[in-house]
Amino acid sequence: MKKTYILIFSLFIIIIFIIFVIVMQLQKNTSPQTKTIPVPTPVPNAIPTTIVPIDTTTPTNIPPVSYTETNNNSTFETSITNRQPISSSDTTAKQTIISSLEPDHETVYQTNTFTITYIYSYDMFQVELATTDIQQAENDAVAWFATKGLSKDGVCKIPVQFYPNFEVNQQLKQQGIEVPPLAIGC
């Protein structure tokens, strides 16, 4: 009699297991496999970019910014591919700036006229200009680097690349102005 109970109990467990496997298979086959694709959430710009229009009614002694034979893309590419050594004080200043970055962040410093980022893959800094007063924004960015101990020679040799943001670039193109990728004097 004891063997009969063990046999019935074993059969009962096996039947429950088989039913469980069948139910799981049916659920797997009948439920559509939908993958949800996350929808990007628009995030408002935390720092509004102010575009300062160029006053064309007042004459100035400053010529418009444009590419020259000594400051164009090929010169910038050369400064990347054939890097010149920087001084030990510039190396220290550069490392101090880089070490101040938060993990997984590239933005070093930001104002309403420019944003400085560090590009790890190229070991260089970029300055995105958010104003049509290119020369002032560039001077301010170079001055910021100087406050961190980086010399003008270091700005040229690292190199630091300057470029206008999309909106400013559109305005400058309409005026026939192009922004040199390197600081004035590099």
C-alpha atoms as a PDB file:
ATOM      1  CA  MET A   1       0.000   0.000   0.000  1.00  0.00           C
ATOM      2  CA  LYS A   2       2.875   2.299   0.759  1.00  0.00           C
ATOM      3  CA  LYS A   3       4.291   1.688  -2.705  1.00  0.00           C
ATOM      4  CA  THR A   4       0.972   2.649  -4.241  1.00  0.00           C
ATOM      5  CA  TYR A   5       0.940   6.024  -2.461  1.00  0.00           C
ATOM      6  CA  ILE A   6       4.499   6.709  -3.544  1.00  0.00           C
ATOM      7  CA  LEU A   7       3.625   5.779  -7.114  1.00  0.00           C
ATOM      8  CA  ILE A   8       0.495   7.963  -7.117  1.00  0.00           C
ATOM      9  CA  PHE A   9       2.390  10.847  -5.546  1.00  0.00           C
ATOM     10  CA  SER A  10       5.200  10.519  -8.125  1.00  0.00           C
ATOM     11  CA  LEU A  11       2.686  10.458 -10.976  1.00  0.00           C
ATOM     12  CA  PHE A  12       0.958  13.501  -9.502  1.00  0.00           C
ATOM     13  CA  ILE A  13       4.251  15.452  -9.365  1.00  0.00           C
ATOM     14  CA  ILE A  14       5.137  14.428 -12.938  1.00  0.00           C
ATOM     15  CA  ILE A  15       1.693  15.477 -14.208  1.00  0.00           C
ATOM     16  CA  ILE A  16       1.974  18.864 -12.462  1.00  0.00           C
ATOM     17  CA  PHE A  17       5.430  19.358 -13.955  1.00  0.00           C
ATOM     18  CA  ILE A  18       4.161  18.499 -17.458  1.00  0.00           C
ATOM     19  CA  ILE A  19       1.207  20.875 -17.061  1.00  0.00           C
ATOM     20  CA  PHE A  20       3.581  23.623 -15.894  1.00  0.00           C
ATOM     21  CA  VAL A  21       5.864  23.127 -18.923  1.00  0.00           C
ATOM     22  CA  ILE A  22       2.864  23.151 -21.314  1.00  0.00           C
ATOM     23  CA  VAL A  23       1.449  26.339 -19.771  1.00  0.00           C
ATOM     24  CA  MET A  24       4.832  28.056 -20.008  1.00  0.00           C
ATOM     25  CA  GLN A  25       5.197  27.044 -23.660  1.00  0.00           C
ATOM     26  CA  LEU A  26       1.709  28.292 -24.478  1.00  0.00           C
ATOM     27  CA  GLN A  27       2.377  31.637 -22.823  1.00  0.00           C
ATOM     28  CA  LYS A  28       5.666  31.973 -24.672  1.00  0.00           C
ATOM     29  CA  ASN A  29       4.076  31.197 -28.036  1.00  0.00           C
ATOM     30  CA  THR A  30       0.872  33.210 -27.631  1.00  0.00           C
ATOM     31  CA  SER A  31       2.263  36.437 -26.159  1.00  0.00           C
ATOM     32  CA  PRO A  32       3.646  38.698 -28.864  1.00  0.00           C
ATOM     33  CA  GLN A  33       7.205  39.689 -28.289  1.00  0.00           C
ATOM     34  CA  THR A  34       7.163  43.418 -28.406  1.00  0.00           C
ATOM     35  CA  LYS A  35      10.234  45.416 -27.795  1.00  0.00           C
ATOM     36  CA  THR A  36       9.599  48.871 -26.570  1.00  0.00           C
ATOM     37  CA  ILE A  37      11.807  51.532 -28.026  1.00  0.00           C
ATOM     38  CA  PRO A  38      12.356  54.396 -25.639  1.00  0.00           C
ATOM     39  CA  VAL A  39      11.105  57.707 -26.923  1.00  0.00           C
ATOM     40  CA  PRO A  40      13.553  60.584 -26.461  1.00  0.00           C
ATOM     41  CA  THR A  41      12.397  63.158 -23.997  1.00  0.00           C
ATOM     42  CA  PRO A  42      13.074  66.740 -25.043  1.00  0.00           C
ATOM     43  CA  VAL A  43      15.082  68.602 -22.457  1.00  0.00           C
ATOM     44  CA  PRO A  44      14.999  72.376 -22.451  1.00  0.00           C
ATOM     45  CA  ASN A  45      18.356  74.044 -22.872  1.00  0.00           C
ATOM     46  CA  ALA A  46      19.591  74.837 -19.374  1.00  0.00           C
ATOM     47  CA  ILE A  47      21.710  77.726 -20.547  1.00  0.00           C
ATOM     48  CA  PRO A  48      20.097  79.874 -23.204  1.00  0.00           C
ATOM     49  CA  THR A  49      22.444  80.914 -25.952  1.00  0.00           C
ATOM     50  CA  THR A  50      22.484  84.589 -26.584  1.00  0.00           C
ATOM     51  CA  ILE A  51      23.330  85.601 -30.099  1.00  0.00           C
ATOM     52  CA  VAL A  52      24.724  89.068 -30.272  1.00  0.00           C
ATOM     53  CA  PRO A  53      24.178  90.583 -33.714  1.00  0.00           C
ATOM     54  CA  ILE A  54      27.049  92.379 -35.372  1.00  0.00           C
ATOM     55  CA  ASP A  55      26.516  96.107 -35.548  1.00  0.00           C
ATOM     56  CA  THR A  56      27.147  96.913 -39.202  1.00  0.00           C
ATOM     57  CA  THR A  57      26.242 100.597 -38.817  1.00  0.00           C
ATOM     58  CA  THR A  58      29.331 101.496 -36.780  1.00  0.00           C
ATOM     59  CA  PRO A  59      32.705 101.246 -38.526  1.00  0.00           C
ATOM     60  CA  THR A  60      35.393  99.346 -36.645  1.00  0.00           C
ATOM     61  CA  ASN A  61      39.098  98.865 -37.101  1.00  0.00           C
ATOM     62  CA  ILE A  62      38.806  95.110 -36.548  1.00  0.00           C
ATOM     63  CA  PRO A  63      38.718  93.188 -39.814  1.00  0.00           C
ATOM     64  CA  PRO A  64      36.129  90.402 -40.103  1.00  0.00           C
ATOM     65  CA  VAL A  65      37.281  86.969 -39.087  1.00  0.00           C
ATOM     66  CA  SER A  66      38.105  84.806 -42.095  1.00  0.00           C
ATOM     67  CA  TYR A  67      40.368  81.927 -43.000  1.00  0.00           C
ATOM     68  CA  THR A  68      43.906  82.878 -43.869  1.00  0.00           C
ATOM     69  CA  GLU A  69      46.746  80.879 -45.325  1.00  0.00           C
ATOM     70  CA  THR A  70      48.283  80.568 -41.857  1.00  0.00           C
ATOM     71  CA  ASN A  71      45.110  79.709 -39.942  1.00  0.00           C
ATOM     72  CA  ASN A  72      42.913  77.270 -41.852  1.00  0.00           C
ATOM     73  CA  ASN A  73      41.725  73.689 -41.592  1.00  0.00           C
ATOM     74  CA  SER A  74      44.942  72.241 -43.019  1.00  0.00           C
ATOM     75  CA  THR A  75      46.923  74.088 -40.331  1.00  0.00           C
ATOM     76  CA  PHE A  76      44.556  72.691 -37.718  1.00  0.00           C
ATOM     77  CA  GLU A  77      44.909  69.165 -39.096  1.00  0.00           C
ATOM     78  CA  THR A  78      48.681  69.578 -39.049  1.00  0.00           C
ATOM     79  CA  SER A  79      48.548  70.686 -35.422  1.00  0.00           C
ATOM     80  CA  ILE A  80      46.658  67.468 -34.593  1.00  0.00           C
ATOM     81  CA  THR A  81      48.782  65.048 -36.616  1.00  0.00           C
ATOM     82  CA  ASN A  82      52.164  66.672 -35.876  1.00  0.00           C
ATOM     83  CA  ARG A  83      51.816  67.771 -32.298  1.00  0.00           C
ATOM     84  CA  GLN A  84      54.500  69.953 -30.857  1.00  0.00           C
ATOM     85  CA  PRO A  85      55.592  69.282 -27.270  1.00  0.00           C
ATOM     86  CA  ILE A  86      54.172  71.662 -24.690  1.00  0.00           C
ATOM     87  CA  SER A  87      56.018  73.079 -21.708  1.00  0.00           C
ATOM     88  CA  SER A  88      55.893  71.381 -18.331  1.00  0.00           C
ATOM     89  CA  SER A  89      53.796  74.216 -16.884  1.00  0.00           C
ATOM     90  CA  ASP A  90      51.309  73.859 -19.768  1.00  0.00           C
ATOM     91  CA  THR A  91      51.234  70.083 -19.234  1.00  0.00           C
ATOM     92  CA  THR A  92      50.475  70.633 -15.545  1.00  0.00           C
ATOM     93  CA  ALA A  93      47.759  73.181 -16.341  1.00  0.00           C
ATOM     94  CA  LYS A  94      46.197  70.857 -18.925  1.00  0.00           C
ATOM     95  CA  GLN A  95      46.185  67.930 -16.480  1.00  0.00           C
ATOM     96  CA  THR A  96      44.642  70.136 -13.782  1.00  0.00           C
ATOM     97  CA  ILE A  97      41.846  71.170 -16.145  1.00  0.00           C
ATOM     98  CA  ILE A  98      41.226  67.571 -17.241  1.00  0.00           C
ATOM     99  CA  SER A  99      41.263  66.241 -13.676  1.00  0.00           C
ATOM    100  CA  SER A 100      38.588  68.771 -12.715  1.00  0.00           C
ATOM    101  CA  LEU A 101      36.116  67.078 -15.082  1.00  0.00           C
ATOM    102  CA  GLU A 102      33.389  64.933 -13.600  1.00  0.00           C
ATOM    103  CA  PRO A 103      33.433  61.297 -14.785  1.00  0.00           C
ATOM    104  CA  ASP A 104      31.746  60.815 -18.187  1.00  0.00           C
ATOM    105  CA  HIS A 105      31.526  64.564 -18.773  1.00  0.00           C
ATOM    106  CA  GLU A 106      33.378  66.561 -21.384  1.00  0.00           C
ATOM    107  CA  THR A 107      32.264  70.114 -20.557  1.00  0.00           C
ATOM    108  CA  VAL A 108      35.072  71.971 -18.842  1.00  0.00           C
ATOM    109  CA  TYR A 109      33.622  75.479 -18.645  1.00  0.00           C
ATOM    110  CA  GLN A 110      30.560  77.259 -20.001  1.00  0.00           C
ATOM    111  CA  THR A 111      29.369  80.845 -20.345  1.00  0.00           C
ATOM    112  CA  ASN A 112      26.622  82.378 -22.431  1.00  0.00           C
ATOM    113  CA  THR A 113      29.141  83.135 -25.213  1.00  0.00           C
ATOM    114  CA  PHE A 114      31.251  79.958 -25.326  1.00  0.00           C
ATOM    115  CA  THR A 115      31.523  76.376 -24.065  1.00  0.00           C
ATOM    116  CA  ILE A 116      34.858  74.610 -23.554  1.00  0.00           C
ATOM    117  CA  THR A 117      34.895  70.818 -23.870  1.00  0.00           C
ATOM    118  CA  TYR A 118      37.696  68.293 -23.647  1.00  0.00           C
ATOM    119  CA  ILE A 119      37.746  65.637 -26.366  1.00  0.00           C
ATOM    120  CA  TYR A 120      39.359  62.540 -24.859  1.00  0.00           C
ATOM    121  CA  SER A 121      39.806  60.681 -28.144  1.00  0.00           C
ATOM    122  CA  TYR A 122      41.881  63.508 -29.640  1.00  0.00           C
ATOM    123  CA  ASP A 123      43.386  64.781 -26.377  1.00  0.00           C
ATOM    124  CA  MET A 124      42.351  68.342 -27.214  1.00  0.00           C
ATOM    125  CA  PHE A 125      39.994  71.100 -26.208  1.00  0.00           C
ATOM    126  CA  GLN A 126      37.198  72.567 -28.327  1.00  0.00           C
ATOM    127  CA  VAL A 127      35.537  75.926 -27.839  1.00  0.00           C
ATOM    128  CA  GLU A 128      32.007  76.233 -29.205  1.00  0.00           C
ATOM    129  CA  LEU A 129      31.242  79.893 -29.824  1.00  0.00           C
ATOM    130  CA  ALA A 130      27.664  81.014 -29.147  1.00  0.00           C
ATOM    131  CA  THR A 131      27.952  84.620 -30.269  1.00  0.00           C
ATOM    132  CA  THR A 132      28.710  86.415 -33.501  1.00  0.00           C
ATOM    133  CA  ASP A 133      31.310  88.478 -31.618  1.00  0.00           C
ATOM    134  CA  ILE A 134      33.820  85.753 -32.413  1.00  0.00           C
ATOM    135  CA  GLN A 135      36.938  87.700 -31.492  1.00  0.00           C
ATOM    136  CA  GLN A 136      35.649  88.659 -28.039  1.00  0.00           C
ATOM    137  CA  ALA A 137      34.448  85.127 -27.267  1.00  0.00           C
ATOM    138  CA  GLU A 138      37.774  83.696 -28.437  1.00  0.00           C
ATOM    139  CA  ASN A 139      39.712  86.216 -26.337  1.00  0.00           C
ATOM    140  CA  ASP A 140      37.556  85.370 -23.309  1.00  0.00           C
ATOM    141  CA  ALA A 141      38.143  81.629 -23.801  1.00  0.00           C
ATOM    142  CA  VAL A 142      41.912  82.100 -24.179  1.00  0.00           C
ATOM    143  CA  ALA A 143      41.850  84.311 -21.054  1.00  0.00           C
ATOM    144  CA  TRP A 144      40.018  81.534 -19.165  1.00  0.00           C
ATOM    145  CA  PHE A 145      42.737  79.061 -20.164  1.00  0.00           C
ATOM    146  CA  ALA A 146      45.326  81.605 -18.957  1.00  0.00           C
ATOM    147  CA  THR A 147      43.619  81.774 -15.542  1.00  0.00           C
ATOM    148  CA  LYS A 148      44.119  78.002 -15.341  1.00  0.00           C
ATOM    149  CA  GLY A 149      47.846  78.382 -16.089  1.00  0.00           C
ATOM    150  CA  LEU A 150      47.840  77.534 -19.795  1.00  0.00           C
ATOM    151  CA  SER A 151      49.994  79.805 -21.946  1.00  0.00           C
ATOM    152  CA  LYS A 152      49.064  81.101 -25.405  1.00  0.00           C
ATOM    153  CA  ASP A 153      51.706  78.717 -26.787  1.00  0.00           C
ATOM    154  CA  GLY A 154      49.953  75.850 -24.979  1.00  0.00           C
ATOM    155  CA  VAL A 155      46.591  76.878 -26.450  1.00  0.00           C
ATOM    156  CA  CYS A 156      48.178  76.657 -29.910  1.00  0.00           C
ATOM    157  CA  LYS A 157      50.076  73.396 -29.403  1.00  0.00           C
ATOM    158  CA  ILE A 158      47.483  71.279 -27.542  1.00  0.00           C
ATOM    159  CA  PRO A 159      45.576  72.493 -29.786  1.00  0.00           C
ATOM    160  CA  VAL A 160      42.404  74.302 -28.807  1.00  0.00           C
ATOM    161  CA  GLN A 161      39.873  74.301 -31.660  1.00  0.00           C
ATOM    162  CA  PHE A 162      37.331  77.105 -32.070  1.00  0.00           C
ATOM    163  CA  TYR A 163      34.058  76.717 -33.967  1.00  0.00           C
ATOM    164  CA  PRO A 164      30.701  78.521 -34.013  1.00  0.00           C
ATOM    165  CA  ASN A 165      27.516  76.749 -32.964  1.00  0.00           C
ATOM    166  CA  PHE A 166      24.956  76.048 -35.690  1.00  0.00           C
ATOM    167  CA  GLU A 167      22.904  79.227 -35.245  1.00  0.00           C
ATOM    168  CA  VAL A 168      25.923  81.520 -35.132  1.00  0.00           C
ATOM    169  CA  ASN A 169      27.498  79.724 -38.084  1.00  0.00           C
ATOM    170  CA  GLN A 170      24.363  80.380 -40.160  1.00  0.00           C
ATOM    171  CA  GLN A 171      24.462  84.086 -39.291  1.00  0.00           C
ATOM    172  CA  LEU A 172      28.162  84.350 -40.052  1.00  0.00           C
ATOM    173  CA  LYS A 173      27.794  82.538 -43.389  1.00  0.00           C
ATOM    174  CA  GLN A 174      25.176  85.075 -44.442  1.00  0.00           C
ATOM    175  CA  GLN A 175      27.762  87.778 -43.773  1.00  0.00           C
ATOM    176  CA  GLY A 176      30.536  85.859 -45.541  1.00  0.00           C
ATOM    177  CA  ILE A 177      32.491  85.288 -42.326  1.00  0.00           C
ATOM    178  CA  GLU A 178      34.234  82.012 -41.523  1.00  0.00           C
ATOM    179  CA  VAL A 179      35.790  81.197 -38.173  1.00  0.00           C
ATOM    180  CA  PRO A 180      39.413  80.014 -38.056  1.00  0.00           C
ATOM    181  CA  PRO A 181      39.759  76.745 -36.117  1.00  0.00           C
ATOM    182  CA  LEU A 182      42.812  77.940 -34.193  1.00  0.00           C
ATOM    183  CA  ALA A 183      43.195  80.940 -31.896  1.00  0.00           C
ATOM    184  CA  ILE A 184      44.412  84.158 -33.440  1.00  0.00           C
ATOM    185  CA  GLY A 185      48.183  84.067 -33.552  1.00  0.00           C
ATOM    186  CA  CYS A 186      48.505  80.263 -33.719  1.00  0.00           C
END
